[in-house]
Amino acid sequence: MSIELVLIPVGIAVAHSVGSLIESHKNDRNTYKIQTVMKQQHLLQKALQQYGCEINEMNHQNYQTIVGDINIYFQQNDSGVFEAVFDKSVAKEDAVEFLDHLHSEYKYLIQQETYKRLLKQASEKGLELESEEIQQDRSIVLTFNVTN
């Protein structure tokens, strides 16, 4: 008997999110914010670093990053989801494109963490990895043999 799993990069909600809620920032009319699907601050930081951004942690829920000469702020809302705050001088299309690339990296990091946890837990539960295939879309197909 075997079990086959497909790990698709999590966050398919990007399409839902990136058509996102762009609204004027409440405290500053010179900015706007875009809600993301990102919740885990350590993965957001890592995704920003891998994207080549400089990160300044303002506090546990707020970050500032610099891309070229543009400052972008990330703030965690009451639902635990990060919102990106952009200056109005940044075109919304450019902001959405940047966040789309960042979401892709973030999803890949979630997939890596899930992959590592799955392999560890599978062996603890008596599953033996039979094969592993990485697809063009970076999804991973794992086939396990049930040994118990």
N, C-alpha and C. Protein backbone atom coordinates (compact mmCIF):
# COMPACT_ATOMS: atom_id res chain seq x y z
N MET A 1 0.85 -1.18 0.00
CA MET A 1 0.00 0.00 0.00
C MET A 1 0.89 1.23 0.00
N SER A 2 0.51 2.23 -0.75
CA SER A 2 1.28 3.47 -0.75
C SER A 2 0.34 4.66 -0.68
N ILE A 3 0.88 5.75 -0.21
CA ILE A 3 0.15 7.00 -0.12
C ILE A 3 0.90 8.02 -0.96
N GLU A 4 0.19 8.78 -1.75
CA GLU A 4 0.84 9.79 -2.58
C GLU A 4 0.33 11.16 -2.15
N LEU A 5 1.24 12.06 -1.87
CA LEU A 5 0.90 13.42 -1.46
C LEU A 5 1.47 14.41 -2.45
N VAL A 6 0.75 15.46 -2.67
CA VAL A 6 1.24 16.54 -3.52
C VAL A 6 1.32 17.79 -2.66
N LEU A 7 2.51 18.35 -2.53
CA LEU A 7 2.68 19.60 -1.79
C LEU A 7 2.68 20.73 -2.80
N ILE A 8 1.61 21.45 -2.85
CA ILE A 8 1.51 22.60 -3.74
C ILE A 8 1.85 23.82 -2.91
N PRO A 9 2.61 24.74 -3.46
CA PRO A 9 2.93 25.92 -2.66
C PRO A 9 1.67 26.51 -2.05
N VAL A 10 1.73 26.62 -0.72
CA VAL A 10 0.59 27.10 0.03
C VAL A 10 0.33 28.55 -0.33
N GLY A 11 -0.81 29.02 -0.08
CA GLY A 11 -1.11 30.42 -0.34
C GLY A 11 -1.73 30.64 -1.68
N ILE A 12 -2.47 29.66 -2.14
CA ILE A 12 -3.16 29.85 -3.41
C ILE A 12 -4.05 31.08 -3.29
N ALA A 13 -4.24 31.48 -2.07
CA ALA A 13 -5.04 32.66 -1.80
C ALA A 13 -4.38 33.92 -2.30
N VAL A 14 -3.19 33.81 -2.86
CA VAL A 14 -2.52 34.99 -3.39
C VAL A 14 -3.39 35.65 -4.45
N ALA A 15 -3.94 34.84 -5.31
CA ALA A 15 -4.78 35.41 -6.36
C ALA A 15 -5.93 36.17 -5.72
N HIS A 16 -6.46 35.60 -4.65
CA HIS A 16 -7.55 36.26 -3.93
C HIS A 16 -7.04 37.52 -3.24
N SER A 17 -5.85 37.41 -2.64
CA SER A 17 -5.33 38.52 -1.86
C SER A 17 -4.79 39.64 -2.73
N VAL A 18 -4.08 39.28 -3.82
CA VAL A 18 -3.44 40.32 -4.61
C VAL A 18 -4.47 41.12 -5.39
N GLY A 19 -5.64 40.57 -5.61
CA GLY A 19 -6.70 41.40 -6.11
C GLY A 19 -7.25 42.14 -4.93
N SER A 20 -6.41 42.42 -4.01
CA SER A 20 -6.60 42.73 -2.62
C SER A 20 -7.28 44.03 -2.30
N LEU A 21 -7.26 44.25 -1.03
CA LEU A 21 -7.94 45.40 -0.46
C LEU A 21 -6.97 46.57 -0.40
N ILE A 22 -6.92 47.33 -1.49
CA ILE A 22 -6.06 48.51 -1.49
C ILE A 22 -6.92 49.65 -0.97
N GLU A 23 -6.46 50.25 0.10
CA GLU A 23 -7.24 51.34 0.67
C GLU A 23 -6.29 52.41 1.18
N SER A 24 -6.80 53.58 1.39
CA SER A 24 -5.96 54.66 1.91
C SER A 24 -5.57 54.35 3.34
N HIS A 25 -4.34 54.58 3.67
CA HIS A 25 -3.86 54.36 5.02
C HIS A 25 -4.57 55.35 5.93
N LYS A 26 -5.07 54.88 7.06
CA LYS A 26 -5.91 55.71 7.92
C LYS A 26 -5.21 56.94 8.47
N ASN A 27 -3.95 56.84 8.77
CA ASN A 27 -3.26 57.94 9.43
C ASN A 27 -2.53 58.87 8.47
N ASP A 28 -2.38 58.49 7.24
CA ASP A 28 -1.56 59.27 6.33
C ASP A 28 -2.16 59.19 4.93
N ARG A 29 -2.55 60.32 4.40
CA ARG A 29 -3.16 60.33 3.07
C ARG A 29 -2.13 60.16 1.97
N ASN A 30 -0.87 60.13 2.31
CA ASN A 30 0.18 59.97 1.31
C ASN A 30 0.62 58.52 1.16
N THR A 31 -0.11 57.62 1.81
CA THR A 31 0.22 56.19 1.72
C THR A 31 -1.05 55.39 1.43
N TYR A 32 -0.83 54.15 1.03
CA TYR A 32 -1.93 53.20 0.89
C TYR A 32 -1.41 51.86 1.36
N LYS A 33 -2.32 50.96 1.71
CA LYS A 33 -1.89 49.64 2.17
C LYS A 33 -2.57 48.55 1.38
N ILE A 34 -1.87 47.45 1.30
CA ILE A 34 -2.36 46.26 0.61
C ILE A 34 -2.28 45.11 1.60
N GLN A 35 -3.40 44.45 1.82
CA GLN A 35 -3.41 43.32 2.72
C GLN A 35 -2.78 42.12 2.03
N THR A 36 -1.93 41.40 2.74
CA THR A 36 -1.29 40.20 2.20
C THR A 36 -1.95 38.96 2.81
N VAL A 37 -1.44 37.80 2.51
CA VAL A 37 -1.88 36.56 3.15
C VAL A 37 -0.84 36.08 4.16
N MET A 38 0.20 36.85 4.35
CA MET A 38 1.31 36.43 5.19
C MET A 38 1.00 36.68 6.67
N LYS A 39 1.24 35.67 7.50
CA LYS A 39 0.98 35.76 8.93
C LYS A 39 2.21 35.51 9.79
N GLN A 40 3.14 34.74 9.27
CA GLN A 40 4.29 34.33 10.08
C GLN A 40 5.45 35.29 9.88
N GLN A 41 5.79 36.03 10.96
CA GLN A 41 6.80 37.07 10.81
C GLN A 41 8.17 36.52 10.46
N HIS A 42 8.55 35.34 10.98
CA HIS A 42 9.88 34.82 10.65
C HIS A 42 9.96 34.45 9.16
N LEU A 43 8.86 33.99 8.58
CA LEU A 43 8.87 33.67 7.15
C LEU A 43 8.81 34.94 6.30
N LEU A 44 8.09 35.95 6.77
CA LEU A 44 8.07 37.24 6.05
C LEU A 44 9.48 37.82 6.02
N GLN A 45 10.16 37.81 7.16
CA GLN A 45 11.52 38.34 7.21
C GLN A 45 12.44 37.56 6.28
N LYS A 46 12.34 36.24 6.33
CA LYS A 46 13.20 35.41 5.49
C LYS A 46 12.91 35.64 4.00
N ALA A 47 11.63 35.76 3.66
CA ALA A 47 11.25 36.01 2.26
C ALA A 47 11.80 37.36 1.80
N LEU A 48 11.70 38.37 2.65
CA LEU A 48 12.24 39.69 2.30
C LEU A 48 13.76 39.62 2.12
N GLN A 49 14.44 38.91 3.01
CA GLN A 49 15.90 38.78 2.90
C GLN A 49 16.27 38.05 1.62
N GLN A 50 15.56 36.97 1.30
CA GLN A 50 15.87 36.22 0.09
C GLN A 50 15.54 37.01 -1.17
N TYR A 51 14.64 37.96 -1.03
CA TYR A 51 14.30 38.83 -2.15
C TYR A 51 15.32 39.96 -2.28
N GLY A 52 16.24 40.06 -1.31
CA GLY A 52 17.29 41.07 -1.36
C GLY A 52 16.97 42.36 -0.65
N CYS A 53 15.98 42.33 0.21
CA CYS A 53 15.57 43.53 0.92
C CYS A 53 16.31 43.68 2.25
N GLU A 54 16.55 44.91 2.62
CA GLU A 54 17.09 45.23 3.93
C GLU A 54 15.90 45.36 4.88
N ILE A 55 16.00 44.76 6.06
CA ILE A 55 14.86 44.74 6.99
C ILE A 55 15.23 45.45 8.29
N ASN A 56 14.33 46.30 8.74
CA ASN A 56 14.46 46.94 10.05
C ASN A 56 13.22 46.57 10.84
N GLU A 57 13.43 45.85 11.96
CA GLU A 57 12.30 45.47 12.80
C GLU A 57 11.99 46.64 13.70
N MET A 58 10.78 47.18 13.58
CA MET A 58 10.37 48.30 14.41
C MET A 58 9.85 47.77 15.75
N ASN A 59 9.09 46.71 15.71
CA ASN A 59 8.68 45.93 16.87
C ASN A 59 8.23 44.58 16.35
N HIS A 60 7.71 43.74 17.22
CA HIS A 60 7.39 42.36 16.84
C HIS A 60 6.36 42.27 15.72
N GLN A 61 5.54 43.31 15.53
CA GLN A 61 4.48 43.25 14.54
C GLN A 61 4.65 44.25 13.41
N ASN A 62 5.72 45.01 13.41
CA ASN A 62 5.92 46.03 12.38
C ASN A 62 7.35 45.99 11.87
N TYR A 63 7.47 46.01 10.55
CA TYR A 63 8.77 45.97 9.90
C TYR A 63 8.85 47.05 8.84
N GLN A 64 10.05 47.51 8.63
CA GLN A 64 10.31 48.42 7.53
C GLN A 64 11.33 47.73 6.64
N THR A 65 11.14 47.81 5.36
CA THR A 65 12.11 47.25 4.43
C THR A 65 12.39 48.29 3.36
N ILE A 66 13.56 48.18 2.79
CA ILE A 66 13.97 49.13 1.76
C ILE A 66 14.29 48.35 0.49
N VAL A 67 13.65 48.75 -0.60
CA VAL A 67 13.91 48.17 -1.91
C VAL A 67 14.37 49.33 -2.79
N GLY A 68 15.66 49.34 -3.10
CA GLY A 68 16.20 50.48 -3.83
C GLY A 68 16.10 51.71 -2.95
N ASP A 69 15.34 52.69 -3.38
CA ASP A 69 15.15 53.90 -2.58
C ASP A 69 13.72 54.00 -2.05
N ILE A 70 13.01 52.87 -2.04
CA ILE A 70 11.61 52.86 -1.61
C ILE A 70 11.49 52.18 -0.25
N ASN A 71 10.85 52.86 0.69
CA ASN A 71 10.54 52.28 1.99
C ASN A 71 9.18 51.62 1.93
N ILE A 72 9.11 50.41 2.45
CA ILE A 72 7.84 49.69 2.54
C ILE A 72 7.71 49.25 3.99
N TYR A 73 6.54 49.47 4.55
CA TYR A 73 6.28 49.08 5.92
C TYR A 73 5.33 47.89 5.92
N PHE A 74 5.58 46.96 6.81
CA PHE A 74 4.68 45.82 7.01
C PHE A 74 4.17 45.91 8.43
N GLN A 75 2.86 45.91 8.55
CA GLN A 75 2.25 45.95 9.88
C GLN A 75 1.25 44.82 10.00
N GLN A 76 1.24 44.19 11.18
CA GLN A 76 0.33 43.07 11.39
C GLN A 76 -0.99 43.63 11.92
N ASN A 77 -2.09 43.26 11.27
CA ASN A 77 -3.39 43.76 11.70
C ASN A 77 -3.95 42.91 12.84
N ASP A 78 -5.15 43.22 13.29
CA ASP A 78 -5.77 42.51 14.41
C ASP A 78 -6.03 41.04 14.11
N SER A 79 -6.13 40.69 12.84
CA SER A 79 -6.34 39.29 12.44
C SER A 79 -5.03 38.52 12.33
N GLY A 80 -3.90 39.20 12.56
CA GLY A 80 -2.60 38.55 12.48
C GLY A 80 -2.01 38.51 11.09
N VAL A 81 -2.65 39.19 10.14
CA VAL A 81 -2.19 39.21 8.75
C VAL A 81 -1.40 40.49 8.52
N PHE A 82 -0.28 40.36 7.80
CA PHE A 82 0.53 41.54 7.51
C PHE A 82 -0.06 42.35 6.37
N GLU A 83 0.00 43.66 6.52
CA GLU A 83 -0.39 44.60 5.48
C GLU A 83 0.86 45.37 5.07
N ALA A 84 1.01 45.58 3.79
CA ALA A 84 2.15 46.35 3.28
C ALA A 84 1.68 47.79 3.07
N VAL A 85 2.45 48.73 3.58
CA VAL A 85 2.12 50.14 3.46
C VAL A 85 3.12 50.78 2.51
N PHE A 86 2.60 51.37 1.44
CA PHE A 86 3.42 51.99 0.40
C PHE A 86 3.14 53.48 0.34
N ASP A 87 4.15 54.24 -0.03
CA ASP A 87 3.99 55.65 -0.32
C ASP A 87 3.22 55.77 -1.63
N LYS A 88 2.40 56.79 -1.74
CA LYS A 88 1.60 56.95 -2.97
C LYS A 88 2.45 57.21 -4.21
N SER A 89 3.72 57.53 -4.01
CA SER A 89 4.59 57.71 -5.17
C SER A 89 4.89 56.38 -5.87
N VAL A 90 4.62 55.27 -5.18
CA VAL A 90 4.81 53.93 -5.75
C VAL A 90 3.51 53.55 -6.48
N ALA A 91 3.63 53.25 -7.75
CA ALA A 91 2.45 52.84 -8.52
C ALA A 91 1.85 51.57 -7.92
N LYS A 92 0.54 51.53 -7.84
CA LYS A 92 -0.13 50.37 -7.24
C LYS A 92 0.19 49.08 -7.99
N GLU A 93 0.34 49.19 -9.31
CA GLU A 93 0.69 48.00 -10.09
C GLU A 93 2.06 47.47 -9.70
N ASP A 94 3.01 48.38 -9.44
CA ASP A 94 4.35 47.98 -9.01
C ASP A 94 4.30 47.35 -7.62
N ALA A 95 3.49 47.93 -6.74
CA ALA A 95 3.36 47.39 -5.39
C ALA A 95 2.78 45.98 -5.43
N VAL A 96 1.73 45.80 -6.23
CA VAL A 96 1.11 44.48 -6.34
C VAL A 96 2.09 43.48 -6.95
N GLU A 97 2.86 43.90 -7.94
CA GLU A 97 3.86 43.02 -8.54
C GLU A 97 4.92 42.61 -7.53
N PHE A 98 5.40 43.57 -6.74
CA PHE A 98 6.39 43.28 -5.70
C PHE A 98 5.82 42.26 -4.71
N LEU A 99 4.59 42.51 -4.25
CA LEU A 99 3.98 41.60 -3.28
C LEU A 99 3.71 40.22 -3.88
N ASP A 100 3.40 40.18 -5.16
CA ASP A 100 3.19 38.89 -5.82
C ASP A 100 4.48 38.06 -5.78
N HIS A 101 5.61 38.70 -6.08
CA HIS A 101 6.90 38.00 -6.02
C HIS A 101 7.24 37.61 -4.57
N LEU A 102 6.94 38.50 -3.64
CA LEU A 102 7.20 38.20 -2.22
C LEU A 102 6.32 37.06 -1.75
N HIS A 103 5.05 37.04 -2.16
CA HIS A 103 4.15 35.94 -1.80
C HIS A 103 4.68 34.61 -2.34
N SER A 104 5.20 34.62 -3.55
CA SER A 104 5.75 33.39 -4.12
C SER A 104 6.89 32.85 -3.27
N GLU A 105 7.77 33.73 -2.84
CA GLU A 105 8.88 33.32 -1.98
C GLU A 105 8.37 32.83 -0.63
N TYR A 106 7.40 33.54 -0.08
CA TYR A 106 6.80 33.18 1.21
C TYR A 106 6.15 31.79 1.13
N LYS A 107 5.41 31.54 0.05
CA LYS A 107 4.77 30.23 -0.13
C LYS A 107 5.81 29.13 -0.24
N TYR A 108 6.91 29.42 -0.93
CA TYR A 108 7.97 28.43 -1.08
C TYR A 108 8.59 28.11 0.29
N LEU A 109 8.75 29.12 1.14
CA LEU A 109 9.29 28.90 2.48
C LEU A 109 8.34 28.07 3.33
N ILE A 110 7.04 28.32 3.20
CA ILE A 110 6.05 27.50 3.91
C ILE A 110 6.13 26.06 3.42
N GLN A 111 6.27 25.91 2.11
CA GLN A 111 6.37 24.57 1.55
C GLN A 111 7.59 23.84 2.09
N GLN A 112 8.72 24.53 2.20
CA GLN A 112 9.94 23.91 2.73
C GLN A 112 9.74 23.46 4.18
N GLU A 113 9.12 24.33 5.00
CA GLU A 113 8.87 23.96 6.39
C GLU A 113 7.92 22.77 6.48
N THR A 114 6.88 22.79 5.67
CA THR A 114 5.91 21.69 5.66
C THR A 114 6.57 20.39 5.22
N TYR A 115 7.41 20.47 4.21
CA TYR A 115 8.13 19.31 3.70
C TYR A 115 8.99 18.68 4.79
N LYS A 116 9.75 19.51 5.50
CA LYS A 116 10.63 18.99 6.56
C LYS A 116 9.81 18.35 7.68
N ARG A 117 8.72 19.02 8.10
CA ARG A 117 7.87 18.47 9.16
C ARG A 117 7.21 17.17 8.72
N LEU A 118 6.76 17.14 7.47
CA LEU A 118 6.09 15.96 6.94
C LEU A 118 7.04 14.76 6.92
N LEU A 119 8.26 14.97 6.45
CA LEU A 119 9.22 13.86 6.42
C LEU A 119 9.53 13.35 7.83
N LYS A 120 9.68 14.27 8.76
CA LYS A 120 9.97 13.88 10.14
C LYS A 120 8.80 13.10 10.74
N GLN A 121 7.59 13.64 10.58
CA GLN A 121 6.42 12.98 11.16
C GLN A 121 6.08 11.68 10.45
N ALA A 122 6.34 11.61 9.16
CA ALA A 122 6.05 10.39 8.41
C ALA A 122 6.88 9.23 8.94
N SER A 123 8.16 9.48 9.17
CA SER A 123 9.01 8.39 9.67
C SER A 123 8.59 7.99 11.08
N GLU A 124 8.13 8.96 11.88
CA GLU A 124 7.66 8.64 13.23
C GLU A 124 6.38 7.83 13.21
N LYS A 125 5.60 7.95 12.14
CA LYS A 125 4.31 7.26 12.02
C LYS A 125 4.42 5.97 11.21
N GLY A 126 5.63 5.57 10.87
CA GLY A 126 5.81 4.32 10.16
C GLY A 126 5.63 4.40 8.66
N LEU A 127 5.82 5.59 8.10
CA LEU A 127 5.75 5.74 6.65
C LEU A 127 7.17 5.86 6.09
N GLU A 128 7.41 5.17 4.99
CA GLU A 128 8.73 5.20 4.37
C GLU A 128 8.63 5.91 3.02
N LEU A 129 9.48 6.91 2.82
CA LEU A 129 9.45 7.67 1.57
C LEU A 129 9.91 6.77 0.43
N GLU A 130 9.02 6.58 -0.52
CA GLU A 130 9.30 5.74 -1.69
C GLU A 130 9.91 6.56 -2.81
N SER A 131 9.29 7.71 -3.10
CA SER A 131 9.82 8.57 -4.17
C SER A 131 9.41 10.01 -3.92
N GLU A 132 10.14 10.87 -4.60
CA GLU A 132 9.92 12.32 -4.48
C GLU A 132 10.16 12.94 -5.84
N GLU A 133 9.20 13.73 -6.31
CA GLU A 133 9.33 14.40 -7.61
C GLU A 133 9.02 15.88 -7.45
N ILE A 134 9.90 16.73 -7.98
CA ILE A 134 9.65 18.17 -7.97
C ILE A 134 9.08 18.53 -9.33
N GLN A 135 7.91 19.15 -9.32
CA GLN A 135 7.22 19.52 -10.54
C GLN A 135 7.69 20.89 -11.04
N GLN A 136 7.29 21.23 -12.25
CA GLN A 136 7.68 22.52 -12.84
C GLN A 136 7.19 23.70 -12.03
N ASP A 137 6.02 23.56 -11.39
CA ASP A 137 5.46 24.66 -10.60
C ASP A 137 6.01 24.68 -9.17
N ARG A 138 7.09 23.94 -8.92
CA ARG A 138 7.77 23.83 -7.64
C ARG A 138 6.98 23.04 -6.61
N SER A 139 5.89 22.42 -7.02
CA SER A 139 5.19 21.53 -6.10
C SER A 139 5.99 20.23 -6.00
N ILE A 140 5.77 19.50 -4.93
CA ILE A 140 6.52 18.27 -4.69
C ILE A 140 5.54 17.12 -4.52
N VAL A 141 5.75 16.05 -5.25
CA VAL A 141 4.93 14.85 -5.13
C VAL A 141 5.75 13.84 -4.32
N LEU A 142 5.21 13.45 -3.17
CA LEU A 142 5.86 12.47 -2.31
C LEU A 142 5.01 11.20 -2.30
N THR A 143 5.66 10.06 -2.44
CA THR A 143 4.98 8.78 -2.37
C THR A 143 5.59 8.02 -1.20
N PHE A 144 4.72 7.61 -0.29
CA PHE A 144 5.15 6.90 0.92
C PHE A 144 4.64 5.46 0.90
N ASN A 145 5.43 4.54 1.45
CA ASN A 145 5.00 3.17 1.72
C ASN A 145 4.60 3.10 3.18
N VAL A 146 3.48 2.46 3.44
CA VAL A 146 3.05 2.26 4.81
C VAL A 146 3.74 1.01 5.32
N THR A 147 4.58 1.14 6.34
CA THR A 147 5.37 0.00 6.83
C THR A 147 4.75 -0.68 8.03
N ASN A 148 3.84 -0.05 8.70
CA ASN A 148 3.20 -0.66 9.89
C ASN A 148 1.84 -1.20 9.56
